[in-house]
Amino acid sequence: MAEASVPARLLAIVSDPDFTIELASPADAPAVIRLIGRVYEEYGFIFEPADELPDLLAFTQHYVVPYGAFFVIRSRGNVVGSVGVEQLGGGAAELHRLYLDAELRSCGLGRALVEAVIAWCRAEGIMHLLLWSDTRFDRAHTLYERMGFQRTGERALNDINQSREYRYERLL
């Protein structure tokens, strides 16, 4: 299994010295949870981390070798962006937790995070990447589609926010 890292070309995308993209550790989980809480507040969602984020509360069971990887973007030491990837087996993986603070969207940082996941998948020999995204995250859907993902399904969740999600997939 390859060690997760951030390819040099991705570091060039995040060329502003105020931003760094790096591999996250379990110690980053609380900051990622706070980031997601800010996004939930922005969208008016009810935020219950124990219900909504069980993977982050068990970080080492999902986002460290051999299970997956997690990347964050930091600005002045604060986590302002995140994305995770988890192996599913059979040459597939699932992208999770793509979040950015509102003021940082549409400037290439989300793309850089997804590219980090794609690079990790390729290094691991993963050929199929899928994700689920809340139907209300229109800007994320535009990003996924521009990056070659195709919408392949939809589901309703029985969660506190009565969420509906779109499924996206891409061959790598």
Protein backbone atom coordinates (compact mmCIF):
# COMPACT_ATOMS: atom_id res chain seq x y z
CA MET A 1 0.00 0.00 0.00
CA ALA A 2 1.40 3.40 -0.97
CA GLU A 3 1.93 6.04 1.66
CA ALA A 4 -0.58 8.87 1.18
CA SER A 5 0.97 12.15 0.16
CA VAL A 6 0.14 15.35 -1.65
CA PRO A 7 1.53 15.38 -5.21
CA ALA A 8 3.67 18.37 -6.17
CA ARG A 9 1.22 19.48 -8.87
CA LEU A 10 -1.49 19.82 -6.21
CA LEU A 11 0.80 21.89 -4.05
CA ALA A 12 1.17 24.24 -7.02
CA ILE A 13 -2.62 24.69 -7.17
CA VAL A 14 -2.58 25.76 -3.54
CA SER A 15 0.27 28.20 -4.18
CA ASP A 16 -0.94 30.92 -1.82
CA PRO A 17 1.39 30.79 1.20
CA ASP A 18 -1.64 31.25 3.45
CA PHE A 19 -2.95 27.81 2.38
CA THR A 20 -1.44 24.35 2.69
CA ILE A 21 -2.92 21.02 1.70
CA GLU A 22 -1.70 18.09 3.74
CA LEU A 23 -2.45 14.62 4.94
CA ALA A 24 -4.59 14.76 8.06
CA SER A 25 -4.12 12.77 11.25
CA PRO A 26 -6.62 11.65 13.88
CA ALA A 27 -5.68 14.78 15.84
CA ASP A 28 -7.27 16.86 13.05
CA ALA A 29 -10.72 15.24 13.43
CA PRO A 30 -12.05 17.85 15.93
CA ALA A 31 -11.07 20.72 13.60
CA VAL A 32 -12.71 18.95 10.64
CA ILE A 33 -15.86 18.43 12.72
CA ARG A 34 -15.90 22.18 13.51
CA LEU A 35 -15.51 22.96 9.78
CA ILE A 36 -18.46 20.71 8.92
CA GLY A 37 -20.45 22.33 11.74
CA ARG A 38 -19.89 25.74 10.12
CA VAL A 39 -21.17 24.41 6.79
CA TYR A 40 -24.21 22.80 8.42
CA GLU A 41 -24.99 26.13 10.10
CA GLU A 42 -24.64 27.95 6.78
CA TYR A 43 -27.22 25.61 5.21
CA GLY A 44 -29.52 25.63 8.24
CA PHE A 45 -28.96 21.93 8.95
CA ILE A 46 -29.24 20.40 12.41
CA PHE A 47 -25.75 19.34 13.48
CA GLU A 48 -25.35 16.26 15.66
CA PRO A 49 -21.78 14.97 15.10
CA ALA A 50 -22.44 11.61 16.76
CA ASP A 51 -25.22 10.93 14.23
CA GLU A 52 -23.85 12.71 11.17
CA LEU A 53 -20.10 12.00 11.41
CA PRO A 54 -19.47 8.53 12.86
CA ASP A 55 -16.54 8.01 10.48
CA LEU A 56 -14.69 11.06 11.84
CA LEU A 57 -15.32 9.96 15.41
CA ALA A 58 -13.62 6.66 14.49
CA PHE A 59 -10.99 8.26 12.23
CA THR A 60 -8.41 5.47 12.42
CA GLN A 61 -10.95 2.88 11.29
CA HIS A 62 -11.67 4.82 8.08
CA TYR A 63 -8.91 7.22 7.07
CA VAL A 64 -5.52 5.69 7.80
CA VAL A 65 -3.64 2.93 6.01
CA PRO A 66 -4.90 0.39 5.05
CA TYR A 67 -8.42 1.84 5.08
CA GLY A 68 -8.03 5.21 3.38
CA ALA A 69 -6.66 8.73 3.67
CA PHE A 70 -7.86 12.17 4.70
CA PHE A 71 -6.61 15.55 3.49
CA VAL A 72 -7.10 19.04 4.92
CA ILE A 73 -6.42 22.55 3.75
CA ARG A 74 -5.08 24.86 6.43
CA SER A 75 -5.02 28.63 6.48
CA ARG A 76 -2.89 30.18 9.19
CA GLY A 77 -3.02 26.87 11.04
CA ASN A 78 -6.81 26.49 10.90
CA VAL A 79 -8.57 23.72 8.98
CA VAL A 80 -10.64 25.42 6.26
CA GLY A 81 -11.13 22.48 3.86
CA SER A 82 -11.36 18.70 4.04
CA VAL A 83 -11.84 15.51 2.07
CA GLY A 84 -11.54 11.83 2.88
CA VAL A 85 -11.32 8.64 0.85
CA GLU A 86 -12.11 5.14 2.04
CA GLN A 87 -11.33 1.88 0.26
CA LEU A 88 -14.36 -0.26 -0.53
CA GLY A 89 -12.56 -3.26 -2.01
CA GLY A 90 -12.78 -4.60 -5.53
CA GLY A 91 -10.79 -1.67 -6.94
CA ALA A 92 -13.26 0.94 -5.66
CA ALA A 93 -13.17 3.74 -3.12
CA GLU A 94 -15.61 6.31 -1.77
CA LEU A 95 -14.91 10.03 -1.43
CA HIS A 96 -16.23 11.52 1.82
CA ARG A 97 -16.41 14.85 3.63
CA LEU A 98 -15.56 17.39 0.91
CA TYR A 99 -16.12 20.65 2.77
CA LEU A 100 -14.76 24.19 2.44
CA ASP A 101 -15.49 27.34 4.37
CA ALA A 102 -17.97 29.43 2.34
CA GLU A 103 -15.59 32.23 1.39
CA LEU A 104 -13.08 29.75 -0.09
CA ARG A 105 -15.38 28.06 -2.58
CA SER A 106 -14.97 28.53 -6.36
CA CYS A 107 -11.26 29.34 -6.19
CA GLY A 108 -9.77 25.92 -6.96
CA LEU A 109 -9.40 24.55 -3.44
CA GLY A 110 -12.22 22.03 -3.74
CA ARG A 111 -10.73 20.80 -7.02
CA ALA A 112 -7.33 20.47 -5.33
CA LEU A 113 -8.86 18.32 -2.60
CA VAL A 114 -10.65 16.05 -5.08
CA GLU A 115 -7.44 15.78 -7.11
CA ALA A 116 -5.61 14.69 -3.96
CA VAL A 117 -8.15 11.88 -3.57
CA ILE A 118 -7.84 10.88 -7.23
CA ALA A 119 -4.03 10.83 -6.98
CA TRP A 120 -4.23 8.68 -3.83
CA CYS A 121 -6.65 6.28 -5.55
CA ARG A 122 -4.41 5.91 -8.57
CA ALA A 123 -1.38 5.25 -6.35
CA GLU A 124 -3.42 2.54 -4.61
CA GLY A 125 -4.52 0.97 -7.89
CA ILE A 126 -8.14 2.02 -7.39
CA MET A 127 -9.98 2.42 -10.67
CA HIS A 128 -13.51 3.39 -9.55
CA LEU A 129 -14.36 6.35 -7.31
CA LEU A 130 -17.85 7.08 -6.03
CA LEU A 131 -19.43 9.56 -3.65
CA TRP A 132 -22.76 10.66 -2.23
CA SER A 133 -23.57 14.38 -2.00
CA ASP A 134 -26.52 16.16 -0.41
CA THR A 135 -28.88 17.38 -3.13
CA ARG A 136 -28.61 20.93 -1.72
CA PHE A 137 -24.86 21.22 -2.44
CA ASP A 138 -25.27 22.53 -6.00
CA ARG A 139 -21.79 24.02 -6.25
CA ALA A 140 -20.20 20.71 -5.30
CA HIS A 141 -22.27 18.94 -7.96
CA THR A 142 -20.98 21.38 -10.59
CA LEU A 143 -17.41 20.65 -9.47
CA TYR A 144 -17.90 16.88 -9.60
CA GLU A 145 -19.44 17.04 -13.07
CA ARG A 146 -16.63 19.28 -14.37
CA MET A 147 -14.15 16.72 -13.03
CA GLY A 148 -15.75 13.89 -14.99
CA PHE A 149 -18.08 12.38 -12.39
CA GLN A 150 -21.48 11.22 -13.58
CA ARG A 151 -24.63 11.30 -11.50
CA THR A 152 -25.81 7.68 -11.25
CA GLY A 153 -28.39 7.58 -8.51
CA GLU A 154 -30.27 9.20 -5.66
CA ARG A 155 -31.29 8.12 -2.18
CA ALA A 156 -33.23 9.42 0.79
CA LEU A 157 -31.64 9.19 4.21
CA ASN A 158 -33.53 8.65 7.42
CA ASP A 159 -31.43 11.24 9.25
CA ILE A 160 -32.16 14.23 11.44
CA ASN A 161 -32.07 16.57 8.40
CA GLN A 162 -34.21 14.34 6.14
CA SER A 163 -31.41 14.49 3.58
CA ARG A 164 -31.54 13.37 -0.02
CA GLU A 165 -28.27 12.57 -1.76
CA TYR A 166 -27.04 12.14 -5.31
CA ARG A 167 -24.59 9.37 -6.16
CA TYR A 168 -21.69 10.29 -8.43
CA GLU A 169 -19.15 7.93 -9.99
CA ARG A 170 -16.00 8.18 -12.05
CA LEU A 171 -13.59 5.69 -13.54
CA LEU A 172 -9.96 6.64 -12.96
